[in-house]
Amino acid sequence: MNLSRDRLLRKGDYVLGSFIKPEHVDGYINAVNPGDRSDLLGRFPFSARSVDDAVDAATIGALKWRRLGLMDRAAAVRRFREQLQTQSEALARLVTRENGKPLWEARQEVAAALRTIDLYLDDGLGLIAPRVLEEIGARTDHLPRGVVGIVCPYNLPVQLAVATSVAAVLCGNAVVMKPSKFTPGIGQAIAELWDRCKLPRGVFNLVQGSASVVGTRLVAHPGLDALVFVGGYESAREVRRATVERPELPSLFMTGGKGIALVLDDAEVDRAVYEILVGACLTTGQRHNSTARVIVTDAAWNTVVPELVRRAGRLQIGYGLSADTFMGPVISENFRSRYKKYGRAIMQKGHKAHVEADSVEVAGLRGNYVRAAIYEMDWRSGNGFLNDEPPGPTILLYRVGDWQEAVHLHNQALYRLCASVFTKLDNPCLGEVKEGLRTGALNINRSTIGTSLRLPAVGLGRAGNGVVAGMELLRVLTYPRAGITETRAFDAAHLVPGVGWSDFAHAAEPSTHDEEGDLSGALELSGE
């Protein structure tokens, strides 16, 4: 196994078109390979003052960038895509080394980022293009917000960084991005790609650092005109507290909480088990929409659950560069400890373990490896662990009598980002199941991680703040400005009553056939 252990060249923050190492250092973040903790990628210094510099730079960049037309901005995004395509393999290998996910999955993530750009350019431009209503002299333009702060997570460090920054730049905004403290090297690589695209200085900026120092400074900065936050619910609460004095700040919160699968009486067992396992364990269960809770009806329980446990034991766990690895490590040793502590808490409440949360040893490597944990929840006892986000590849099983009880239990969960239903398509109850489920996304016979940028994305409950993402992010990062231009000559014969216009020398008498005057200059009374 060829493990590259060369340290990354730490270039610092990217501000006003240049990489700059902070003069005043508040601390350091260590980029460590989670699959081999003896492999240190680099030690990145950070400073809260860099946030002020980056926002100031973005303010300058935004003034220049907003003056360019949509097609010019699209051309810059195409240049970024070319750079991403050229560096795709190197970037995928960096993802494997810094994030831990298998190389095949890292390649898929980079490919997904490329597809995201294509969709923005093919379908997204129409969402923010000007709309003209010539018959009433009206026009709507989607104008950039200004300076957009973006806080990115570690679980999809390329795809989410690309999706959010490209959307902001395409809309005419300037960006200040903070990558996760666990993936500073990937954040630096994204900045390098933007650096090659010949943008005006200040349009894209990146600051490294911890959430407590740099992240807090960024989200609360008065120079921001919009905020995109992708992370956990508790962190989102802190962001809300930091921005409480700015209720006018447009914000998109994507706080995940994971997905819920419902397995009904007539589900195809192989399909359900495969989709649940992939949904729960891809990215080692660290995606915002990973499957965490599985609600199974009585009729399906005795076939689905044993097969799920058996198949989970066959998952290949190992280093990301091994060709047969399905699941790599979790992101940090602290996260692995939290995963095991969560499993112990479940057991202490009297629930049953089919597979306990535990570490896994991978020969020759000191990494954060774990196995898929599966617990059977005695949810009727009153403590069903419905209101939190299970860490890592943790599957909680809930046995219910029928589909009605399954829907009812699902709707009690506080996180309702996405749901999967496994059943036959001709199930006569499927329509009622769809109608009853309160969820942001609903997949039939597909994993909870199945999604498309073409579709709107919104989490219910604690999964978000109700602002729609997906392709709609382009609308979030712009605001519509409507205007009407009057082209008709002023005619005093068509005025509203009571304005006293007849006092003027050349005023005409109101028309006898239009006693109420003409309001069409102010109101579109006749419709389009």
Protein backbone atom coordinates (compact mmCIF):
# COMPACT_ATOMS: atom_id res chain seq x y z
CA MET A 1 0.00 0.00 0.00
CA ASN A 2 1.57 3.27 -1.13
CA LEU A 3 0.88 5.82 1.59
CA SER A 4 2.02 9.34 0.69
CA ARG A 5 3.24 10.99 3.88
CA ASP A 6 4.63 14.24 2.49
CA ARG A 7 3.58 17.25 4.50
CA LEU A 8 1.44 19.82 2.76
CA LEU A 9 2.85 23.25 2.03
CA ARG A 10 0.85 25.41 4.43
CA LYS A 11 0.14 28.60 2.55
CA GLY A 12 -2.00 30.35 5.15
CA ASP A 13 -5.28 32.17 4.63
CA TYR A 14 -6.36 33.30 1.18
CA VAL A 15 -7.22 37.01 1.33
CA LEU A 16 -7.51 39.61 -1.44
CA GLY A 17 -6.15 37.26 -4.06
CA SER A 18 -3.07 36.08 -2.15
CA PHE A 19 -2.11 33.43 0.38
CA ILE A 20 -1.04 35.14 3.59
CA LYS A 21 0.19 33.59 6.81
CA PRO A 22 -1.27 35.35 9.85
CA GLU A 23 1.08 37.70 11.71
CA HIS A 24 -0.74 37.35 15.01
CA VAL A 25 -1.36 33.66 15.68
CA ASP A 26 -4.19 32.66 18.01
CA GLY A 27 -3.58 28.95 17.67
CA TYR A 28 -2.90 26.00 15.37
CA ILE A 29 -4.96 23.22 13.86
CA ASN A 30 -3.29 19.94 13.03
CA ALA A 31 -4.33 18.12 9.88
CA VAL A 32 -4.01 14.46 10.81
CA ASN A 33 -4.75 11.43 8.64
CA PRO A 34 -7.63 9.72 10.50
CA GLY A 35 -6.71 6.41 8.89
CA ASP A 36 -3.14 6.63 10.18
CA ARG A 37 -2.72 9.10 13.01
CA SER A 38 1.06 8.96 12.74
CA ASP A 39 0.69 10.78 9.41
CA LEU A 40 0.61 14.53 10.08
CA LEU A 41 -0.31 16.51 6.97
CA GLY A 42 0.57 19.86 8.47
CA ARG A 43 0.13 22.35 11.28
CA PHE A 44 -1.99 25.31 10.19
CA PRO A 45 -1.80 28.60 12.14
CA PHE A 46 -4.93 30.69 12.48
CA SER A 47 -5.92 34.13 13.68
CA ALA A 48 -9.25 35.78 14.41
CA ARG A 49 -7.88 38.97 12.84
CA SER A 50 -7.77 37.19 9.50
CA VAL A 51 -11.57 37.20 9.49
CA ASP A 52 -11.64 41.01 9.56
CA ASP A 53 -9.10 41.18 6.75
CA ALA A 54 -11.03 38.64 4.69
CA VAL A 55 -14.37 40.40 5.11
CA ASP A 56 -12.79 43.74 4.21
CA ALA A 57 -11.29 42.15 1.12
CA ALA A 58 -14.62 40.58 0.18
CA THR A 59 -16.34 43.94 0.54
CA ILE A 60 -13.93 45.34 -2.05
CA GLY A 61 -14.31 42.30 -4.29
CA ALA A 62 -18.10 42.35 -4.12
CA LEU A 63 -18.26 45.92 -5.44
CA LYS A 64 -16.30 44.93 -8.55
CA TRP A 65 -17.85 41.52 -9.07
CA ARG A 66 -21.49 42.58 -8.93
CA ARG A 67 -20.93 44.89 -11.91
CA LEU A 68 -20.16 41.97 -14.20
CA GLY A 69 -22.98 40.37 -16.13
CA LEU A 70 -24.27 36.88 -15.46
CA MET A 71 -22.55 35.43 -18.53
CA ASP A 72 -19.17 36.82 -17.47
CA ARG A 73 -19.61 35.28 -14.02
CA ALA A 74 -20.60 31.98 -15.64
CA ALA A 75 -17.39 32.08 -17.67
CA ALA A 76 -15.37 32.38 -14.46
CA VAL A 77 -17.22 29.41 -12.99
CA ARG A 78 -16.39 27.41 -16.11
CA ARG A 79 -12.72 28.21 -15.58
CA PHE A 80 -13.04 26.95 -12.03
CA ARG A 81 -14.62 23.76 -13.32
CA GLU A 82 -11.70 23.23 -15.69
CA GLN A 83 -9.27 23.58 -12.80
CA LEU A 84 -11.29 21.16 -10.67
CA GLN A 85 -11.37 18.63 -13.50
CA THR A 86 -7.62 18.91 -14.00
CA GLN A 87 -6.88 18.43 -10.31
CA SER A 88 -9.63 15.85 -9.66
CA GLU A 89 -7.41 12.84 -8.96
CA ALA A 90 -4.98 14.73 -6.74
CA LEU A 91 -7.88 16.25 -4.85
CA ALA A 92 -9.57 12.86 -4.39
CA ARG A 93 -6.37 11.43 -2.93
CA LEU A 94 -6.10 14.38 -0.58
CA VAL A 95 -9.67 13.72 0.57
CA THR A 96 -8.78 10.10 1.33
CA ARG A 97 -5.71 11.14 3.29
CA GLU A 98 -7.25 14.03 5.24
CA ASN A 99 -10.87 12.86 5.60
CA GLY A 100 -10.38 9.09 5.62
CA LYS A 101 -13.03 8.03 3.14
CA PRO A 102 -12.08 5.35 0.57
CA LEU A 103 -10.53 6.58 -2.66
CA TRP A 104 -13.45 5.32 -4.76
CA GLU A 105 -15.83 7.38 -2.63
CA ALA A 106 -13.54 10.42 -2.71
CA ARG A 107 -13.49 10.20 -6.50
CA GLN A 108 -17.27 10.06 -6.50
CA GLU A 109 -17.39 13.18 -4.35
CA VAL A 110 -15.18 15.14 -6.73
CA ALA A 111 -17.28 13.90 -9.66
CA ALA A 112 -20.41 15.03 -7.81
CA ALA A 113 -18.86 18.48 -7.36
CA LEU A 114 -18.23 18.67 -11.11
CA ARG A 115 -21.84 17.66 -11.82
CA THR A 116 -23.01 20.32 -9.38
CA ILE A 117 -21.23 23.01 -11.38
CA ASP A 118 -22.72 21.67 -14.61
CA LEU A 119 -26.23 21.81 -13.15
CA TYR A 120 -25.72 25.38 -11.96
CA LEU A 121 -24.57 26.39 -15.43
CA ASP A 122 -27.20 24.38 -17.32
CA ASP A 123 -30.28 24.81 -15.14
CA GLY A 124 -29.40 27.39 -12.52
CA LEU A 125 -28.77 30.38 -14.76
CA GLY A 126 -32.46 30.52 -15.62
CA LEU A 127 -33.36 30.90 -11.93
CA ILE A 128 -31.43 34.14 -11.58
CA ALA A 129 -31.76 35.54 -15.09
CA PRO A 130 -33.72 38.81 -15.46
CA ARG A 131 -37.45 38.53 -16.05
CA VAL A 132 -39.06 41.16 -18.27
CA LEU A 133 -42.79 41.92 -18.63
CA GLU A 134 -42.80 44.28 -21.59
CA GLU A 135 -46.56 44.85 -21.61
CA ILE A 136 -46.40 46.69 -18.28
CA GLY A 137 -42.82 47.95 -18.51
CA ALA A 138 -41.74 45.72 -15.59
CA ARG A 139 -38.51 43.89 -14.87
CA THR A 140 -37.16 41.69 -12.09
CA ASP A 141 -33.44 41.31 -11.51
CA HIS A 142 -31.85 38.88 -9.06
CA LEU A 143 -29.13 40.92 -7.42
CA PRO A 144 -26.25 39.61 -5.31
CA ARG A 145 -26.44 39.86 -1.54
CA GLY A 146 -22.87 41.10 -1.21
CA VAL A 147 -20.46 39.34 1.14
CA VAL A 148 -21.41 35.73 1.90
CA GLY A 149 -19.93 33.87 4.85
CA ILE A 150 -19.72 30.09 4.37
CA VAL A 151 -18.94 27.58 7.12
CA CYS A 152 -18.24 24.11 5.72
CA PRO A 153 -18.16 20.68 7.42
CA TYR A 154 -15.65 17.86 7.08
CA ASN A 155 -17.93 15.08 5.84
CA LEU A 156 -18.25 16.33 2.23
CA PRO A 157 -15.34 18.77 2.18
CA VAL A 158 -15.14 19.13 -1.61
CA GLN A 159 -18.75 18.84 -2.69
CA LEU A 160 -20.19 21.26 -0.16
CA ALA A 161 -17.36 23.77 -0.49
CA VAL A 162 -17.74 23.75 -4.28
CA ALA A 163 -21.54 23.85 -4.25
CA THR A 164 -21.75 26.81 -1.88
CA SER A 165 -18.85 28.88 -3.17
CA VAL A 166 -19.76 28.39 -6.84
CA ALA A 167 -23.37 29.35 -6.13
CA ALA A 168 -22.28 32.51 -4.33
CA VAL A 169 -19.79 33.56 -7.01
CA LEU A 170 -22.18 32.79 -9.87
CA CYS A 171 -24.78 34.99 -8.20
CA GLY A 172 -22.34 37.91 -8.09
CA ASN A 173 -21.33 37.72 -4.43
CA ALA A 174 -17.94 37.68 -2.76
CA VAL A 175 -17.12 34.81 -0.43
CA VAL A 176 -15.41 34.31 2.91
CA MET A 177 -15.20 30.57 3.54
CA LYS A 178 -14.06 28.69 6.62
CA PRO A 179 -13.37 24.99 6.06
CA SER A 180 -13.58 22.45 8.87
CA LYS A 181 -10.67 22.31 11.27
CA PHE A 182 -10.37 18.65 10.28
CA THR A 183 -9.86 19.39 6.56
CA PRO A 184 -7.71 22.53 6.24
CA GLY A 185 -5.68 21.02 3.42
CA ILE A 186 -8.77 20.47 1.30
CA GLY A 187 -9.90 24.03 2.04
CA GLN A 188 -6.52 25.31 0.89
CA ALA A 189 -6.81 23.23 -2.29
CA ILE A 190 -10.21 24.79 -3.08
CA ALA A 191 -8.70 28.25 -2.63
CA GLU A 192 -5.87 27.31 -5.02
CA LEU A 193 -8.43 26.35 -7.67
CA TRP A 194 -10.21 29.70 -7.34
CA ASP A 195 -6.83 31.46 -7.41
CA ARG A 196 -6.26 30.20 -10.96
CA CYS A 197 -9.56 31.57 -12.28
CA LYS A 198 -8.55 35.24 -12.68
CA LEU A 199 -11.25 36.64 -10.43
CA PRO A 200 -11.04 40.21 -9.20
CA ARG A 201 -9.15 40.34 -5.93
CA GLY A 202 -11.36 39.72 -2.94
CA VAL A 203 -14.11 37.76 -4.70
CA PHE A 204 -13.04 34.52 -3.00
CA ASN A 205 -11.41 34.44 0.43
CA LEU A 206 -10.63 31.62 2.84
CA VAL A 207 -9.75 31.65 6.52
CA GLN A 208 -8.49 28.65 8.46
CA GLY A 209 -9.18 27.99 12.10
CA SER A 210 -11.27 26.51 14.85
CA ALA A 211 -14.99 27.06 15.19
CA SER A 212 -14.62 28.65 18.63
CA VAL A 213 -12.20 31.37 17.48
CA VAL A 214 -12.42 31.90 13.72
CA GLY A 215 -15.89 30.47 13.10
CA THR A 216 -17.48 32.56 15.84
CA ARG A 217 -15.77 35.70 14.57
CA LEU A 218 -16.93 35.04 11.01
CA VAL A 219 -20.62 34.29 11.63
CA ALA A 220 -20.98 37.33 13.89
CA HIS A 221 -19.12 39.73 11.62
CA PRO A 222 -21.19 42.84 10.82
CA GLY A 223 -19.75 42.94 7.30
CA LEU A 224 -21.60 39.81 6.19
CA ASP A 225 -24.64 40.21 3.95
CA ALA A 226 -25.62 36.51 3.99
CA LEU A 227 -24.58 33.36 5.82
CA VAL A 228 -24.49 29.68 4.87
CA PHE A 229 -23.87 27.32 7.77
CA VAL A 230 -23.51 23.55 7.38
CA GLY A 231 -22.91 21.70 10.62
CA GLY A 232 -24.49 20.29 13.75
CA TYR A 233 -27.58 21.54 15.53
CA GLU A 234 -25.78 22.60 18.72
CA SER A 235 -23.27 24.60 16.69
CA ALA A 236 -26.17 26.20 14.83
CA ARG A 237 -27.63 27.31 18.15
CA GLU A 238 -24.35 29.04 18.95
CA VAL A 239 -24.44 30.74 15.55
CA ARG A 240 -27.98 31.93 16.25
CA ARG A 241 -26.86 33.42 19.55
CA ALA A 242 -23.96 35.14 17.82
CA THR A 243 -26.29 36.69 15.22
CA VAL A 244 -29.22 37.55 17.50
CA GLU A 245 -28.64 41.27 16.97
CA ARG A 246 -28.93 40.80 13.20
CA PRO A 247 -32.37 39.32 12.49
CA GLU A 248 -32.16 40.83 9.02
CA LEU A 249 -29.20 38.64 8.02
CA PRO A 250 -30.33 36.10 5.39
CA SER A 251 -29.14 32.72 6.66
CA LEU A 252 -29.29 29.13 5.50
CA PHE A 253 -28.76 26.48 8.17
CA MET A 254 -28.24 22.86 7.18
CA THR A 255 -28.00 20.94 10.44
CA GLY A 256 -28.72 17.39 9.28
CA GLY A 257 -29.59 15.06 12.10
CA LYS A 258 -29.58 12.01 9.79
CA GLY A 259 -32.36 10.09 8.05
CA ILE A 260 -35.03 7.55 8.99
CA ALA A 261 -35.93 4.41 7.05
CA LEU A 262 -39.33 2.69 7.22
CA VAL A 263 -39.46 -0.98 6.23
CA LEU A 264 -43.04 -2.12 5.60
CA ASP A 265 -44.55 -5.61 5.48
CA ASP A 266 -43.98 -6.21 1.77
CA ALA A 267 -40.49 -4.74 1.43
CA GLU A 268 -37.96 -6.49 -0.81
CA VAL A 269 -35.47 -7.70 1.81
CA ASP A 270 -32.25 -7.54 -0.22
CA ARG A 271 -32.95 -4.07 -1.53
CA ALA A 272 -33.97 -2.73 1.87
CA VAL A 273 -30.94 -4.21 3.67
CA TYR A 274 -28.48 -3.00 1.02
CA GLU A 275 -29.87 0.53 0.88
CA ILE A 276 -30.00 0.81 4.67
CA LEU A 277 -26.42 -0.39 5.11
CA VAL A 278 -25.05 1.90 2.44
CA GLY A 279 -27.10 4.80 3.75
CA ALA A 280 -25.93 4.18 7.32
CA CYS A 281 -22.27 3.38 6.70
CA LEU A 282 -21.11 5.33 3.63
CA THR A 283 -18.69 8.04 4.79
CA THR A 284 -18.60 5.97 8.00
CA GLY A 285 -22.04 7.26 8.93
CA GLN A 286 -20.92 10.89 9.09
CA ARG A 287 -23.15 12.40 6.41
CA HIS A 288 -25.88 14.79 7.43
CA ASN A 289 -28.45 12.50 5.76
CA SER A 290 -26.97 9.11 6.75
CA THR A 291 -29.55 6.52 7.78
CA ALA A 292 -29.59 6.29 11.57
CA ARG A 293 -33.05 5.02 12.54
CA VAL A 294 -34.81 2.07 10.94
CA ILE A 295 -38.49 1.47 11.74
CA VAL A 296 -39.54 -2.09 10.84
CA THR A 297 -43.03 -3.55 10.95
CA ASP A 298 -43.72 -6.84 12.76
CA ALA A 299 -44.27 -8.74 9.51
CA ALA A 300 -40.84 -7.76 8.15
CA TRP A 301 -38.82 -7.87 11.36
CA ASN A 302 -37.76 -11.53 11.45
CA THR A 303 -36.39 -11.46 7.91
CA VAL A 304 -34.94 -7.95 7.69
CA VAL A 305 -33.17 -7.59 11.03
CA PRO A 306 -31.12 -10.84 10.98
CA GLU A 307 -30.05 -10.13 7.41
CA LEU A 308 -29.10 -6.56 8.31
CA VAL A 309 -26.94 -7.79 11.19
CA ARG A 310 -25.33 -10.49 9.03
CA ARG A 311 -24.53 -8.16 6.17
CA ALA A 312 -23.18 -5.46 8.50
CA GLY A 313 -20.60 -7.94 9.74
CA ARG A 314 -19.29 -8.41 6.20
CA LEU A 315 -18.50 -4.77 5.49
CA GLN A 316 -14.85 -4.23 4.59
CA ILE A 317 -13.27 -1.72 6.98
CA GLY A 318 -9.81 -0.38 6.27
CA TYR A 319 -7.52 2.29 4.89
CA GLY A 320 -8.94 4.41 2.10
CA LEU A 321 -6.33 3.48 -0.51
CA SER A 322 -7.09 -0.23 -0.23
CA ALA A 323 -9.15 -1.27 -3.24
CA ASP A 324 -11.56 -3.45 -1.27
CA THR A 325 -12.33 -0.94 1.51
CA PHE A 326 -15.96 0.09 1.88
CA MET A 327 -15.73 2.02 5.16
CA GLY A 328 -12.79 4.07 6.38
CA PRO A 329 -12.24 5.68 9.78
CA VAL A 330 -14.27 8.31 11.58
CA ILE A 331 -12.78 11.77 11.47
CA SER A 332 -11.08 11.90 14.89
CA GLU A 333 -10.29 9.95 18.02
CA ASN A 334 -12.65 12.21 19.95
CA PHE A 335 -15.45 11.34 17.54
CA ARG A 336 -14.71 7.64 17.95
CA SER A 337 -14.94 8.05 21.72
CA ARG A 338 -18.28 9.80 21.34
CA TYR A 339 -19.54 6.98 19.11
CA LYS A 340 -18.64 4.35 21.73
CA LYS A 341 -20.00 6.46 24.60
CA TYR A 342 -23.31 6.78 22.77
CA GLY A 343 -23.50 3.00 22.46
CA ARG A 344 -22.87 2.59 26.18
CA ALA A 345 -25.62 5.10 26.96
CA ILE A 346 -28.06 3.05 24.87
CA MET A 347 -27.16 -0.11 26.76
CA GLN A 348 -27.49 1.61 30.14
CA LYS A 349 -31.10 2.46 29.27
CA GLY A 350 -31.93 -1.22 28.79
CA HIS A 351 -31.89 -1.46 25.00
CA LYS A 352 -30.54 -4.51 23.19
CA ALA A 353 -27.30 -4.62 21.21
CA HIS A 354 -27.17 -6.74 18.07
CA VAL A 355 -23.71 -5.30 17.37
CA GLU A 356 -22.11 -3.06 20.01
CA ALA A 357 -20.26 0.11 19.11
CA ASP A 358 -16.57 -0.69 19.18
CA SER A 359 -13.22 0.06 17.61
CA VAL A 360 -11.69 -2.02 14.83
CA GLU A 361 -8.00 -2.77 14.44
CA VAL A 362 -6.48 -2.41 10.98
CA ALA A 363 -3.12 -4.11 10.67
CA GLY A 364 -0.14 -1.76 10.64
CA LEU A 365 -2.18 1.42 11.08
CA ARG A 366 -3.17 3.51 14.08
CA GLY A 367 -6.45 4.96 12.87
CA ASN A 368 -9.94 5.82 14.09
CA TYR A 369 -11.62 2.69 12.78
CA VAL A 370 -15.01 1.50 14.02
CA ARG A 371 -17.62 -1.04 13.00
CA ALA A 372 -21.29 -0.59 12.23
CA ALA A 373 -23.24 -0.71 15.51
CA ILE A 374 -26.84 -2.00 15.59
CA TYR A 375 -29.22 -1.60 18.53
CA GLU A 376 -32.79 -2.75 19.06
CA MET A 377 -34.67 0.02 20.84
CA ASP A 378 -37.34 -0.58 23.44
CA TRP A 379 -38.93 2.68 22.41
CA ARG A 380 -42.21 2.07 24.20
CA SER A 381 -40.35 2.36 27.51
CA GLY A 382 -40.27 6.12 27.01
CA ASN A 383 -36.61 6.58 26.08
CA GLY A 384 -36.29 5.74 22.42
CA PHE A 385 -33.34 8.03 21.58
CA LEU A 386 -35.47 9.83 19.00
CA ASN A 387 -34.22 13.35 19.60
CA ASP A 388 -30.49 13.29 18.90
CA GLU A 389 -28.07 12.53 16.07
CA PRO A 390 -26.46 9.11 16.50
CA PRO A 391 -22.70 9.47 15.82
CA GLY A 392 -20.95 7.45 13.16
CA PRO A 393 -22.27 4.19 11.66
CA THR A 394 -24.94 3.62 14.31
CA ILE A 395 -28.26 1.99 13.39
CA LEU A 396 -31.17 2.14 15.83
CA LEU A 397 -33.96 -0.39 15.16
CA TYR A 398 -37.59 0.24 16.15
CA ARG A 399 -40.20 -2.51 15.94
CA VAL A 400 -43.76 -1.39 15.22
CA GLY A 401 -47.06 -3.13 14.54
CA ASP A 402 -47.96 -1.62 11.17
CA TRP A 403 -47.35 1.25 8.79
CA GLN A 404 -49.61 3.61 10.75
CA GLU A 405 -47.49 3.15 13.86
CA ALA A 406 -44.33 3.50 11.76
CA VAL A 407 -45.48 6.87 10.42
CA HIS A 408 -46.55 8.02 13.88
CA LEU A 409 -43.17 7.09 15.39
CA HIS A 410 -41.28 8.77 12.56
CA ASN A 411 -43.13 12.02 13.11
CA GLN A 412 -42.13 12.10 16.78
CA ALA A 413 -38.44 12.45 15.89
CA LEU A 414 -36.99 15.95 16.21
CA TYR A 415 -34.71 15.56 13.16
CA ARG A 416 -36.70 14.91 9.99
CA LEU A 417 -34.36 15.75 7.15
CA CYS A 418 -35.14 12.76 4.96
CA ALA A 419 -36.94 9.42 5.03
CA SER A 420 -36.86 6.20 3.04
CA VAL A 421 -39.81 3.86 2.63
CA PHE A 422 -39.24 0.29 1.52
CA THR A 423 -42.34 -1.33 0.08
CA LYS A 424 -43.85 -2.47 -3.19
CA LEU A 425 -44.92 0.34 -5.48
CA ASP A 426 -48.41 -1.12 -5.78
CA ASN A 427 -48.91 -1.15 -2.01
CA PRO A 428 -52.42 0.33 -1.60
CA CYS A 429 -51.30 2.09 1.59
CA LEU A 430 -48.32 3.85 0.00
CA GLY A 431 -50.28 7.00 -0.78
CA GLU A 432 -51.36 7.35 2.84
CA VAL A 433 -47.81 6.70 4.01
CA LYS A 434 -46.51 9.51 1.81
CA GLU A 435 -49.26 11.83 2.96
CA GLY A 436 -48.63 11.10 6.62
CA LEU A 437 -44.85 11.44 6.80
CA ARG A 438 -43.57 14.82 7.96
CA THR A 439 -40.15 14.91 6.32
CA GLY A 440 -38.09 17.22 4.14
CA ALA A 441 -37.34 14.54 1.54
CA LEU A 442 -38.93 11.17 0.84
CA ASN A 443 -37.30 8.35 -1.13
CA ILE A 444 -39.12 5.17 -2.08
CA ASN A 445 -36.88 2.07 -2.13
CA ARG A 446 -33.82 4.33 -2.10
CA SER A 447 -31.45 5.21 0.71
CA THR A 448 -31.83 8.43 2.66
CA ILE A 449 -28.56 9.65 1.13
CA GLY A 450 -30.08 9.61 -2.35
CA THR A 451 -30.50 13.19 -3.51
CA SER A 452 -30.23 15.48 -6.53
CA LEU A 453 -29.24 19.13 -6.79
CA ARG A 454 -32.14 19.62 -9.20
CA LEU A 455 -34.51 18.99 -6.32
CA PRO A 456 -35.20 21.43 -3.48
CA ALA A 457 -33.77 20.43 -0.13
CA VAL A 458 -35.16 21.48 3.24
CA GLY A 459 -35.00 19.83 6.63
CA LEU A 460 -37.94 19.76 9.03
CA GLY A 461 -37.66 19.98 12.78
CA ARG A 462 -34.09 20.46 13.91
CA ALA A 463 -32.67 19.50 10.51
CA GLY A 464 -32.59 23.10 9.28
CA ASN A 465 -34.16 26.52 9.52
CA GLY A 466 -36.72 26.00 6.76
CA VAL A 467 -34.73 27.79 4.05
CA VAL A 468 -34.65 25.77 0.84
CA ALA A 469 -31.28 24.63 -0.52
CA GLY A 470 -30.37 22.52 -3.57
CA MET A 471 -30.64 24.54 -6.75
CA GLU A 472 -32.69 27.06 -4.78
CA LEU A 473 -29.47 28.16 -3.08
CA LEU A 474 -29.05 30.51 -6.04
CA ARG A 475 -32.22 32.30 -5.00
CA VAL A 476 -31.14 32.41 -1.36
CA LEU A 477 -27.90 34.14 -2.31
CA THR A 478 -29.66 36.79 -4.40
CA TYR A 479 -32.63 39.04 -3.80
CA PRO A 480 -35.25 39.92 -6.42
CA ARG A 481 -35.54 43.60 -7.24
CA ALA A 482 -38.68 44.46 -9.14
CA GLY A 483 -39.23 47.73 -11.00
CA ILE A 484 -41.70 49.35 -13.36
CA THR A 485 -40.76 51.95 -15.96
CA GLU A 486 -43.45 54.38 -17.15
CA THR A 487 -43.15 55.09 -20.87
CA ARG A 488 -46.40 56.98 -21.44
CA ALA A 489 -46.57 60.76 -21.59
CA PHE A 490 -48.08 62.46 -18.57
CA ASP A 491 -51.81 63.00 -19.09
CA ALA A 492 -53.62 65.16 -16.56
CA ALA A 493 -56.94 63.87 -17.90
CA HIS A 494 -56.41 60.60 -16.07
CA LEU A 495 -55.78 61.47 -12.47
CA VAL A 496 -57.22 60.15 -9.22
CA PRO A 497 -59.81 62.31 -7.46
CA GLY A 498 -58.80 64.87 -4.91
CA VAL A 499 -55.26 65.70 -5.94
CA GLY A 500 -56.20 69.28 -6.79
CA TRP A 501 -54.39 69.24 -10.08
CA SER A 502 -56.84 71.73 -11.64
CA ASP A 503 -55.13 74.58 -9.75
CA PHE A 504 -52.31 74.46 -12.26
CA ALA A 505 -52.50 76.51 -15.36
CA HIS A 506 -52.37 73.79 -18.01
CA ALA A 507 -54.26 71.06 -16.20
CA ALA A 508 -57.04 69.33 -18.07
CA GLU A 509 -60.43 68.50 -16.66
CA PRO A 510 -60.95 64.90 -15.60
CA SER A 511 -62.51 62.71 -18.22
CA THR A 512 -66.27 62.24 -17.81
CA HIS A 513 -66.04 58.58 -18.73
CA ASP A 514 -63.31 57.84 -16.12
CA GLU A 515 -64.45 59.56 -12.95
CA GLU A 516 -62.13 57.51 -10.72
CA GLY A 517 -59.03 58.44 -12.66
CA ASP A 518 -56.27 56.13 -13.88
CA LEU A 519 -54.27 54.20 -11.25
CA SER A 520 -52.54 51.94 -13.72
CA GLY A 521 -49.35 53.93 -13.44
CA ALA A 522 -49.07 52.92 -9.81
CA LEU A 523 -50.96 49.65 -9.62
CA GLU A 524 -51.30 46.81 -12.06
CA LEU A 525 -55.10 46.73 -11.79
CA SER A 526 -55.76 44.84 -14.97
CA GLY A 527 -53.26 42.02 -14.38
CA GLU A 528 -50.80 40.89 -16.98
